[in-house]
N, C-alpha and C. Protein backbone atom coordinates (compact mmCIF):
# COMPACT_ATOMS: atom_id res chain seq x y z
N MET A 1 12.76 331.62 278.33
CA MET A 1 13.11 332.43 279.34
C MET A 1 11.93 333.41 279.88
N HIS A 2 11.11 333.82 278.89
CA HIS A 2 10.12 334.74 279.25
C HIS A 2 9.01 333.89 279.98
N GLN A 3 9.07 332.55 280.03
CA GLN A 3 8.12 331.83 280.68
C GLN A 3 8.44 332.05 282.31
N TRP A 4 9.73 332.33 282.63
CA TRP A 4 10.19 332.62 284.06
C TRP A 4 9.55 333.87 284.39
N ALA A 5 9.70 334.89 283.59
CA ALA A 5 9.25 336.16 284.01
C ALA A 5 7.61 336.21 284.05
N ASP A 6 7.02 335.40 283.28
CA ASP A 6 5.59 335.41 283.28
C ASP A 6 5.04 334.37 284.24
N ASN A 7 5.97 333.85 285.15
CA ASN A 7 5.48 332.88 286.10
C ASN A 7 4.86 331.62 285.66
N GLN A 8 5.20 331.35 284.31
CA GLN A 8 4.55 330.16 283.92
C GLN A 8 5.53 328.89 284.15
N ARG A 9 6.70 329.04 284.45
CA ARG A 9 7.73 327.97 284.85
C ARG A 9 8.68 328.65 285.86
N VAL A 10 9.23 327.74 286.62
CA VAL A 10 10.22 328.17 287.65
C VAL A 10 11.55 327.56 287.38
N PRO A 11 12.64 328.30 287.29
CA PRO A 11 13.94 327.68 286.90
C PRO A 11 14.31 326.69 288.02
N ALA A 12 15.10 325.67 287.51
CA ALA A 12 15.71 324.84 288.57
C ALA A 12 16.65 325.55 289.58
N ALA A 13 16.85 324.99 290.61
CA ALA A 13 17.57 325.72 291.83
C ALA A 13 19.04 325.80 291.35
N GLU A 14 19.56 324.90 290.64
CA GLU A 14 21.02 325.09 290.04
C GLU A 14 21.06 326.25 289.17
N THR A 15 20.02 326.39 288.26
CA THR A 15 19.93 327.46 287.35
C THR A 15 19.85 328.89 287.99
N VAL A 16 19.08 328.92 289.07
CA VAL A 16 19.01 330.18 289.86
C VAL A 16 20.42 330.51 290.44
N LEU A 17 21.02 329.48 290.88
CA LEU A 17 22.39 329.75 291.56
C LEU A 17 23.40 330.30 290.43
N ARG A 18 23.34 329.65 289.34
CA ARG A 18 24.22 330.03 288.23
C ARG A 18 23.92 331.50 287.81
N LEU A 19 22.70 331.82 287.71
CA LEU A 19 22.16 333.12 287.27
C LEU A 19 22.63 334.16 288.25
N ARG A 20 22.44 333.84 289.50
CA ARG A 20 22.83 334.80 290.51
C ARG A 20 24.39 335.13 290.53
N ALA A 21 25.12 333.94 290.39
CA ALA A 21 26.57 334.14 290.37
C ALA A 21 26.98 334.97 289.07
N ALA A 22 26.39 334.61 288.00
CA ALA A 22 26.73 335.44 286.76
C ALA A 22 26.30 337.02 287.05
N TYR A 23 25.25 337.20 287.58
CA TYR A 23 24.89 338.62 287.93
C TYR A 23 25.91 339.33 288.85
N GLN A 24 26.33 338.56 289.83
CA GLN A 24 27.22 339.22 290.81
C GLN A 24 28.64 339.48 290.06
N VAL A 25 28.98 338.59 289.16
CA VAL A 25 30.29 338.74 288.37
C VAL A 25 30.10 340.00 287.59
N ALA A 26 29.03 339.97 286.86
CA ALA A 26 28.66 341.10 285.85
C ALA A 26 28.68 342.38 286.61
N ALA A 27 27.95 342.46 287.75
CA ALA A 27 27.87 343.67 288.45
C ALA A 27 29.26 344.15 288.99
N LEU A 28 30.09 343.22 289.36
CA LEU A 28 31.43 343.48 289.95
C LEU A 28 32.24 344.01 288.82
N LEU A 29 32.25 343.29 287.69
CA LEU A 29 33.16 343.82 286.50
C LEU A 29 32.58 345.12 285.97
N GLY A 30 31.26 345.30 286.07
CA GLY A 30 30.70 346.69 285.62
C GLY A 30 31.03 347.76 286.51
N THR A 31 31.54 347.61 287.79
CA THR A 31 31.99 348.68 288.50
C THR A 31 33.30 349.30 287.99
N ARG A 32 34.03 348.61 287.20
CA ARG A 32 35.44 348.97 286.74
C ARG A 32 35.45 349.06 285.21
N GLU A 33 34.60 348.26 284.47
CA GLU A 33 34.72 348.18 283.08
C GLU A 33 33.57 348.77 282.35
N GLU A 34 33.73 349.05 281.10
CA GLU A 34 32.59 349.36 280.21
C GLU A 34 31.75 348.15 279.87
N PRO A 35 30.46 348.24 279.56
CA PRO A 35 29.62 347.15 279.22
C PRO A 35 30.18 346.29 278.08
N ALA A 36 30.87 346.81 277.22
CA ALA A 36 31.44 345.96 276.07
C ALA A 36 32.55 345.11 276.62
N VAL A 37 33.25 345.54 277.59
CA VAL A 37 34.35 344.69 278.15
C VAL A 37 33.62 343.48 279.09
N VAL A 38 32.72 343.82 279.86
CA VAL A 38 31.91 342.85 280.55
C VAL A 38 31.31 341.71 279.59
N GLN A 39 30.65 342.17 278.53
CA GLN A 39 30.21 341.25 277.52
C GLN A 39 31.26 340.38 276.93
N ALA A 40 32.34 340.99 276.66
CA ALA A 40 33.50 340.23 276.07
C ALA A 40 34.05 339.29 276.97
N TRP A 41 34.12 339.58 278.34
CA TRP A 41 34.57 338.64 279.35
C TRP A 41 33.69 337.38 279.48
N PHE A 42 32.44 337.60 279.32
CA PHE A 42 31.42 336.45 279.37
C PHE A 42 31.46 335.60 278.15
N GLN A 43 31.72 336.23 276.98
CA GLN A 43 31.58 335.54 275.71
C GLN A 43 32.88 334.95 275.14
N GLY A 44 33.94 335.60 275.70
CA GLY A 44 35.28 335.31 275.11
C GLY A 44 35.82 334.00 275.62
N MET A 45 36.68 333.33 274.84
CA MET A 45 37.38 332.00 275.39
C MET A 45 38.27 332.40 276.44
N ASN A 46 38.22 331.40 277.41
CA ASN A 46 39.17 331.70 278.65
C ASN A 46 40.04 330.53 278.72
N PRO A 47 41.37 330.56 278.71
CA PRO A 47 42.23 329.40 278.85
C PRO A 47 42.12 328.73 280.14
N ARG A 48 41.77 329.40 281.18
CA ARG A 48 41.67 328.87 282.41
C ARG A 48 40.40 327.99 282.56
N LEU A 49 39.54 328.15 281.63
CA LEU A 49 38.21 327.25 281.57
C LEU A 49 38.35 326.36 280.46
N GLY A 50 39.47 325.94 280.02
CA GLY A 50 39.69 324.97 278.94
C GLY A 50 39.19 325.58 277.64
N ASP A 51 39.47 326.89 277.45
CA ASP A 51 39.18 327.57 276.24
C ASP A 51 37.65 327.76 276.00
N ALA A 52 36.90 327.69 277.03
CA ALA A 52 35.43 327.84 276.96
C ALA A 52 35.16 329.24 277.40
N ALA A 53 34.04 329.77 277.01
CA ALA A 53 33.50 331.03 277.48
C ALA A 53 32.81 330.87 278.88
N PRO A 54 32.94 331.78 279.80
CA PRO A 54 32.22 331.74 281.08
C PRO A 54 30.74 331.64 280.90
N ALA A 55 30.18 332.24 279.74
CA ALA A 55 28.72 332.31 279.65
C ALA A 55 28.16 330.93 279.34
N TYR A 56 29.01 329.98 278.90
CA TYR A 56 28.36 328.66 278.50
C TYR A 56 28.85 327.56 279.50
N PRO A 57 27.94 326.70 279.90
CA PRO A 57 28.22 325.68 280.69
C PRO A 57 29.06 324.59 280.08
N PRO A 58 29.92 324.03 280.98
CA PRO A 58 30.86 322.98 280.39
C PRO A 58 30.03 321.79 279.83
N PRO A 59 30.63 321.25 278.81
CA PRO A 59 29.98 320.04 278.14
C PRO A 59 29.83 318.90 279.09
């Protein structure tokens, strides 16, 4: 990922969209919840996502 910051590589368009969506969700959750809750939301298993965590792409 540091290669993106160093302008050595450019992320794929789909990756950029996913990162922007994740940022928007994190920012929205962060307006009402503590950072630990936001982190748990992204990393915790979600039954609506087939018990997968939102932070990880589906198989």
